[in-house]
Amino acid sequence: MKNRLRELRAARRWSQADLADRCQVSRQAINAIETERYDPSLPLAFTIADVFGLTIEEIFHPDRTGGAASG
């Protein structure tokens, strides 16, 4: 899943550890989400959106480069 996490975090001058503390997850989890190696659970996505004051859709969007065509 594509996301704007790194961009949003950098705009606030937060480290990955800062964001992790705000979301109550590990820094490694934030790194994995930013590098698109891990898709957050829905509750975590809501927490991240709340931390930034945005909607989930403003932060995350599906990677549509592969997979089945929509109909």
PDB file of N, CA and C in Angstrom:
ATOM      1  N   MET A   1       0.845  -1.170   0.000  1.00  0.00           N
ATOM      2  CA  MET A   1       0.000   0.000   0.000  1.00  0.00           C
ATOM      3  C   MET A   1       0.894   1.238   0.000  1.00  0.00           C
ATOM      4  N   LYS A   2       0.625   2.137  -0.903  1.00  0.00           N
ATOM      5  CA  LYS A   2       1.362   3.402  -0.971  1.00  0.00           C
ATOM      6  C   LYS A   2       0.921   4.298   0.192  1.00  0.00           C
ATOM      7  N   ASN A   3       1.835   5.167   0.632  1.00  0.00           N
ATOM      8  CA  ASN A   3       1.479   6.078   1.718  1.00  0.00           C
ATOM      9  C   ASN A   3       2.348   7.326   1.689  1.00  0.00           C
ATOM     10  N   ARG A   4       1.904   8.338   2.416  1.00  0.00           N
ATOM     11  CA  ARG A   4       2.597   9.620   2.522  1.00  0.00           C
ATOM     12  C   ARG A   4       3.233   9.796   3.893  1.00  0.00           C
ATOM     13  N   LEU A   5       3.444   8.707   4.596  1.00  0.00           N
ATOM     14  CA  LEU A   5       3.891   8.786   5.979  1.00  0.00           C
ATOM     15  C   LEU A   5       5.212   9.538   6.127  1.00  0.00           C
ATOM     16  N   ARG A   6       6.206   9.193   5.319  1.00  0.00           N
ATOM     17  CA  ARG A   6       7.510   9.853   5.432  1.00  0.00           C
ATOM     18  C   ARG A   6       7.383  11.353   5.174  1.00  0.00           C
ATOM     19  N   GLU A   7       6.643  11.718   4.140  1.00  0.00           N
ATOM     20  CA  GLU A   7       6.427  13.133   3.796  1.00  0.00           C
ATOM     21  C   GLU A   7       5.758  13.891   4.943  1.00  0.00           C
ATOM     22  N   LEU A   8       4.698  13.306   5.508  1.00  0.00           N
ATOM     23  CA  LEU A   8       3.959  13.962   6.587  1.00  0.00           C
ATOM     24  C   LEU A   8       4.812  14.066   7.852  1.00  0.00           C
ATOM     25  N   ARG A   9       5.548  13.019   8.145  1.00  0.00           N
ATOM     26  CA  ARG A   9       6.414  13.011   9.321  1.00  0.00           C
ATOM     27  C   ARG A   9       7.522  14.048   9.178  1.00  0.00           C
ATOM     28  N   ALA A  10       8.133  14.102   8.001  1.00  0.00           N
ATOM     29  CA  ALA A  10       9.222  15.053   7.762  1.00  0.00           C
ATOM     30  C   ALA A  10       8.737  16.497   7.847  1.00  0.00           C
ATOM     31  N   ALA A  11       7.529  16.752   7.371  1.00  0.00           N
ATOM     32  CA  ALA A  11       6.976  18.106   7.418  1.00  0.00           C
ATOM     33  C   ALA A  11       6.830  18.595   8.860  1.00  0.00           C
ATOM     34  N   ARG A  12       6.637  17.663   9.778  1.00  0.00           N
ATOM     35  CA  ARG A  12       6.504  18.013  11.200  1.00  0.00           C
ATOM     36  C   ARG A  12       7.836  17.900  11.945  1.00  0.00           C
ATOM     37  N   ARG A  13       8.888  17.499  11.221  1.00  0.00           N
ATOM     38  CA  ARG A  13      10.223  17.315  11.802  1.00  0.00           C
ATOM     39  C   ARG A  13      10.221  16.281  12.919  1.00  0.00           C
ATOM     40  N   TRP A  14       9.426  15.230  12.710  1.00  0.00           N
ATOM     41  CA  TRP A  14       9.368  14.122  13.655  1.00  0.00           C
ATOM     42  C   TRP A  14      10.292  13.019  13.156  1.00  0.00           C
ATOM     43  N   SER A  15      10.969  12.374  14.066  1.00  0.00           N
ATOM     44  CA  SER A  15      11.716  11.164  13.716  1.00  0.00           C
ATOM     45  C   SER A  15      10.738   9.994  13.645  1.00  0.00           C
ATOM     46  N   GLN A  16      11.212   8.877  13.130  1.00  0.00           N
ATOM     47  CA  GLN A  16      10.370   7.683  13.147  1.00  0.00           C
ATOM     48  C   GLN A  16      10.026   7.309  14.582  1.00  0.00           C
ATOM     49  N   ALA A  17      10.963   7.495  15.488  1.00  0.00           N
ATOM     50  CA  ALA A  17      10.713   7.193  16.905  1.00  0.00           C
ATOM     51  C   ALA A  17       9.648   8.112  17.479  1.00  0.00           C
ATOM     52  N   ASP A  18       9.655   9.395  17.092  1.00  0.00           N
ATOM     53  CA  ASP A  18       8.629  10.330  17.564  1.00  0.00           C
ATOM     54  C   ASP A  18       7.241   9.859  17.134  1.00  0.00           C
ATOM     55  N   LEU A  19       7.116   9.512  15.858  1.00  0.00           N
ATOM     56  CA  LEU A  19       5.824   9.052  15.355  1.00  0.00           C
ATOM     57  C   LEU A  19       5.431   7.730  16.013  1.00  0.00           C
ATOM     58  N   ALA A  20       6.394   6.845  16.175  1.00  0.00           N
ATOM     59  CA  ALA A  20       6.117   5.560  16.819  1.00  0.00           C
ATOM     60  C   ALA A  20       5.570   5.770  18.233  1.00  0.00           C
ATOM     61  N   ASP A  21       6.183   6.695  18.987  1.00  0.00           N
ATOM     62  CA  ASP A  21       5.703   6.989  20.342  1.00  0.00           C
ATOM     63  C   ASP A  21       4.266   7.496  20.317  1.00  0.00           C
ATOM     64  N   ARG A  22       3.956   8.366  19.368  1.00  0.00           N
ATOM     65  CA  ARG A  22       2.605   8.920  19.268  1.00  0.00           C
ATOM     66  C   ARG A  22       1.581   7.852  18.894  1.00  0.00           C
ATOM     67  N   CYS A  23       2.021   6.850  18.151  1.00  0.00           N
ATOM     68  CA  CYS A  23       1.122   5.781  17.692  1.00  0.00           C
ATOM     69  C   CYS A  23       1.185   4.542  18.576  1.00  0.00           C
ATOM     70  N   GLN A  24       2.079   4.556  19.555  1.00  0.00           N
ATOM     71  CA  GLN A  24       2.277   3.441  20.478  1.00  0.00           C
ATOM     72  C   GLN A  24       2.647   2.151  19.753  1.00  0.00           C
ATOM     73  N   VAL A  25       3.582   2.279  18.806  1.00  0.00           N
ATOM     74  CA  VAL A  25       4.149   1.129  18.101  1.00  0.00           C
ATOM     75  C   VAL A  25       5.665   1.289  18.090  1.00  0.00           C
ATOM     76  N   SER A  26       6.360   0.312  17.562  1.00  0.00           N
ATOM     77  CA  SER A  26       7.819   0.402  17.498  1.00  0.00           C
ATOM     78  C   SER A  26       8.267   1.280  16.329  1.00  0.00           C
ATOM     79  N   ARG A  27       9.494   1.792  16.442  1.00  0.00           N
ATOM     80  CA  ARG A  27      10.067   2.544  15.339  1.00  0.00           C
ATOM     81  C   ARG A  27      10.191   1.658  14.111  1.00  0.00           C
ATOM     82  N   GLN A  28      10.482   0.386  14.333  1.00  0.00           N
ATOM     83  CA  GLN A  28      10.610  -0.559  13.222  1.00  0.00           C
ATOM     84  C   GLN A  28       9.293  -0.701  12.467  1.00  0.00           C
ATOM     85  N   ALA A  29       8.165  -0.647  13.178  1.00  0.00           N
ATOM     86  CA  ALA A  29       6.858  -0.726  12.519  1.00  0.00           C
ATOM     87  C   ALA A  29       6.647   0.487  11.615  1.00  0.00           C
ATOM     88  N   ILE A  30       7.010   1.662  12.103  1.00  0.00           N
ATOM     89  CA  ILE A  30       6.877   2.875  11.288  1.00  0.00           C
ATOM     90  C   ILE A  30       7.779   2.780  10.062  1.00  0.00           C
ATOM     91  N   ASN A  31       9.000   2.307  10.247  1.00  0.00           N
ATOM     92  CA  ASN A  31       9.917   2.152   9.118  1.00  0.00           C
ATOM     93  C   ASN A  31       9.349   1.182   8.089  1.00  0.00           C
ATOM     94  N   ALA A  32       8.801   0.070   8.532  1.00  0.00           N
ATOM     95  CA  ALA A  32       8.252  -0.928   7.615  1.00  0.00           C
ATOM     96  C   ALA A  32       7.051  -0.383   6.847  1.00  0.00           C
ATOM     97  N   ILE A  33       6.227   0.435   7.497  1.00  0.00           N
ATOM     98  CA  ILE A  33       5.078   1.044   6.807  1.00  0.00           C
ATOM     99  C   ILE A  33       5.582   2.051   5.780  1.00  0.00           C
ATOM    100  N   GLU A  34       6.518   2.911   6.187  1.00  0.00           N
ATOM    101  CA  GLU A  34       7.054   3.932   5.274  1.00  0.00           C
ATOM    102  C   GLU A  34       7.692   3.314   4.036  1.00  0.00           C
ATOM    103  N   THR A  35       8.377   2.206   4.200  1.00  0.00           N
ATOM    104  CA  THR A  35       9.067   1.573   3.079  1.00  0.00           C
ATOM    105  C   THR A  35       8.172   0.569   2.350  1.00  0.00           C
ATOM    106  N   GLU A  36       6.907   0.545   2.722  1.00  0.00           N
ATOM    107  CA  GLU A  36       5.870  -0.276   2.076  1.00  0.00           C
ATOM    108  C   GLU A  36       6.156  -1.767   2.161  1.00  0.00           C
ATOM    109  N   ARG A  37       6.852  -2.177   3.230  1.00  0.00           N
ATOM    110  CA  ARG A  37       7.075  -3.597   3.481  1.00  0.00           C
ATOM    111  C   ARG A  37       5.988  -4.169   4.371  1.00  0.00           C
ATOM    112  N   TYR A  38       5.154  -3.295   4.945  1.00  0.00           N
ATOM    113  CA  TYR A  38       4.115  -3.713   5.882  1.00  0.00           C
ATOM    114  C   TYR A  38       2.926  -2.776   5.726  1.00  0.00           C
ATOM    115  N   ASP A  39       1.741  -3.348   5.607  1.00  0.00           N
ATOM    116  CA  ASP A  39       0.510  -2.556   5.589  1.00  0.00           C
ATOM    117  C   ASP A  39      -0.054  -2.538   7.000  1.00  0.00           C
ATOM    118  N   PRO A  40      -0.362  -1.359   7.527  1.00  0.00           N
ATOM    119  CA  PRO A  40      -0.858  -1.291   8.898  1.00  0.00           C
ATOM    120  C   PRO A  40      -2.247  -1.909   9.023  1.00  0.00           C
ATOM    121  N   SER A  41      -2.546  -2.381  10.213  1.00  0.00           N
ATOM    122  CA  SER A  41      -3.905  -2.842  10.508  1.00  0.00           C
ATOM    123  C   SER A  41      -4.845  -1.639  10.423  1.00  0.00           C
ATOM    124  N   LEU A  42      -6.110  -1.898  10.300  1.00  0.00           N
ATOM    125  CA  LEU A  42      -7.075  -0.802  10.240  1.00  0.00           C
ATOM    126  C   LEU A  42      -7.041   0.051  11.509  1.00  0.00           C
ATOM    127  N   PRO A  43      -7.005  -0.548  12.708  1.00  0.00           N
ATOM    128  CA  PRO A  43      -6.898   0.296  13.904  1.00  0.00           C
ATOM    129  C   PRO A  43      -5.638   1.171  13.908  1.00  0.00           C
ATOM    130  N   LEU A  44      -4.508   0.628  13.463  1.00  0.00           N
ATOM    131  CA  LEU A  44      -3.278   1.429  13.412  1.00  0.00           C
ATOM    132  C   LEU A  44      -3.393   2.527  12.356  1.00  0.00           C
ATOM    133  N   ALA A  45      -3.997   2.226  11.223  1.00  0.00           N
ATOM    134  CA  ALA A  45      -4.193   3.251  10.194  1.00  0.00           C
ATOM    135  C   ALA A  45      -5.041   4.396  10.738  1.00  0.00           C
ATOM    136  N   PHE A  46      -6.090   4.073  11.501  1.00  0.00           N
ATOM    137  CA  PHE A  46      -6.912   5.124  12.115  1.00  0.00           C
ATOM    138  C   PHE A  46      -6.102   5.932  13.123  1.00  0.00           C
ATOM    139  N   THR A  47      -5.258   5.263  13.892  1.00  0.00           N
ATOM    140  CA  THR A  47      -4.416   5.966  14.865  1.00  0.00           C
ATOM    141  C   THR A  47      -3.463   6.918  14.155  1.00  0.00           C
ATOM    142  N   ILE A  48      -2.819   6.442  13.104  1.00  0.00           N
ATOM    143  CA  ILE A  48      -1.890   7.287  12.338  1.00  0.00           C
ATOM    144  C   ILE A  48      -2.625   8.484  11.764  1.00  0.00           C
ATOM    145  N   ALA A  49      -3.794   8.255  11.185  1.00  0.00           N
ATOM    146  CA  ALA A  49      -4.582   9.351  10.619  1.00  0.00           C
ATOM    147  C   ALA A  49      -4.941  10.364  11.697  1.00  0.00           C
ATOM    148  N   ASP A  50      -5.325   9.881  12.869  1.00  0.00           N
ATOM    149  CA  ASP A  50      -5.686  10.765  13.983  1.00  0.00           C
ATOM    150  C   ASP A  50      -4.486  11.600  14.437  1.00  0.00           C
ATOM    151  N   VAL A  51      -3.313  10.988  14.504  1.00  0.00           N
ATOM    152  CA  VAL A  51      -2.095  11.703  14.907  1.00  0.00           C
ATOM    153  C   VAL A  51      -1.817  12.868  13.963  1.00  0.00           C
ATOM    154  N   PHE A  52      -2.057  12.654  12.667  1.00  0.00           N
ATOM    155  CA  PHE A  52      -1.813  13.710  11.684  1.00  0.00           C
ATOM    156  C   PHE A  52      -3.023  14.616  11.463  1.00  0.00           C
ATOM    157  N   GLY A  53      -4.172  14.275  12.029  1.00  0.00           N
ATOM    158  CA  GLY A  53      -5.370  15.074  11.828  1.00  0.00           C
ATOM    159  C   GLY A  53      -5.900  14.971  10.401  1.00  0.00           C
ATOM    160  N   LEU A  54      -5.707  13.800   9.793  1.00  0.00           N
ATOM    161  CA  LEU A  54      -6.140  13.566   8.416  1.00  0.00           C
ATOM    162  C   LEU A  54      -7.013  12.320   8.366  1.00  0.00           C
ATOM    163  N   THR A  55      -7.593  12.061   7.209  1.00  0.00           N
ATOM    164  CA  THR A  55      -8.330  10.814   7.021  1.00  0.00           C
ATOM    165  C   THR A  55      -7.357   9.740   6.540  1.00  0.00           C
ATOM    166  N   ILE A  56      -7.746   8.505   6.700  1.00  0.00           N
ATOM    167  CA  ILE A  56      -6.929   7.397   6.211  1.00  0.00           C
ATOM    168  C   ILE A  56      -6.647   7.569   4.724  1.00  0.00           C
ATOM    169  N   GLU A  57      -7.659   7.970   3.964  1.00  0.00           N
ATOM    170  CA  GLU A  57      -7.516   8.123   2.516  1.00  0.00           C
ATOM    171  C   GLU A  57      -6.525   9.214   2.127  1.00  0.00           C
ATOM    172  N   GLU A  58      -6.310  10.185   3.013  1.00  0.00           N
ATOM    173  CA  GLU A  58      -5.340  11.240   2.737  1.00  0.00           C
ATOM    174  C   GLU A  58      -3.899  10.774   2.971  1.00  0.00           C
ATOM    175  N   ILE A  59      -3.735   9.632   3.631  1.00  0.00           N
ATOM    176  CA  ILE A  59      -2.403   9.121   3.944  1.00  0.00           C
ATOM    177  C   ILE A  59      -2.080   7.863   3.137  1.00  0.00           C
ATOM    178  N   PHE A  60      -3.042   6.967   3.049  1.00  0.00           N
ATOM    179  CA  PHE A  60      -2.819   5.667   2.415  1.00  0.00           C
ATOM    180  C   PHE A  60      -3.651   5.535   1.150  1.00  0.00           C
ATOM    181  N   HIS A  61      -3.076   4.882   0.148  1.00  0.00           N
ATOM    182  CA  HIS A  61      -3.846   4.546  -1.045  1.00  0.00           C
ATOM    183  C   HIS A  61      -3.294   3.260  -1.625  1.00  0.00           C
ATOM    184  N   PRO A  62      -4.166   2.472  -2.280  1.00  0.00           N
ATOM    185  CA  PRO A  62      -3.715   1.172  -2.785  1.00  0.00           C
ATOM    186  C   PRO A  62      -2.674   1.313  -3.884  1.00  0.00           C
ATOM    187  N   ASP A  63      -1.793   0.354  -3.945  1.00  0.00           N
ATOM    188  CA  ASP A  63      -0.810   0.274  -5.030  1.00  0.00           C
ATOM    189  C   ASP A  63      -1.485  -0.463  -6.173  1.00  0.00           C
ATOM    190  N   ARG A  64      -1.844   0.261  -7.178  1.00  0.00           N
ATOM    191  CA  ARG A  64      -2.603  -0.344  -8.285  1.00  0.00           C
ATOM    192  C   ARG A  64      -1.734  -0.673  -9.487  1.00  0.00           C
ATOM    193  N   THR A  65      -0.423  -0.771  -9.275  1.00  0.00           N
ATOM    194  CA  THR A  65       0.463  -1.080 -10.393  1.00  0.00           C
ATOM    195  C   THR A  65       0.397  -2.539 -10.798  1.00  0.00           C
ATOM    196  N   GLY A  66      -0.069  -3.374  -9.907  1.00  0.00           N
ATOM    197  CA  GLY A  66      -0.163  -4.800 -10.201  1.00  0.00           C
ATOM    198  C   GLY A  66      -1.526  -5.318  -9.810  1.00  0.00           C
ATOM    199  N   GLY A  67      -1.803  -6.563 -10.097  1.00  0.00           N
ATOM    200  CA  GLY A  67      -3.055  -7.164  -9.671  1.00  0.00           C
ATOM    201  C   GLY A  67      -4.113  -7.115 -10.750  1.00  0.00           C
ATOM    202  N   ALA A  68      -5.309  -7.499 -10.373  1.00  0.00           N
ATOM    203  CA  ALA A  68      -6.406  -7.609 -11.323  1.00  0.00           C
ATOM    204  C   ALA A  68      -6.940  -6.246 -11.727  1.00  0.00           C
ATOM    205  N   ALA A  69      -7.402  -6.170 -12.954  1.00  0.00           N
ATOM    206  CA  ALA A  69      -8.016  -4.930 -13.456  1.00  0.00           C
ATOM    207  C   ALA A  69      -9.401  -4.786 -12.866  1.00  0.00           C
ATOM    208  N   SER A  70      -9.788  -3.557 -12.593  1.00  0.00           N
ATOM    209  CA  SER A  70     -11.124  -3.319 -12.058  1.00  0.00           C
ATOM    210  C   SER A  70     -12.108  -3.228 -13.202  1.00  0.00           C
ATOM    211  N   GLY A  71     -13.344  -3.582 -12.911  1.00  0.00           N
ATOM    212  CA  GLY A  71     -14.269  -3.768 -13.948  1.00  0.00           C
ATOM    213  C   GLY A  71     -15.221  -2.782 -14.298  1.00  0.00           C
TER     214      GLY A  71
END
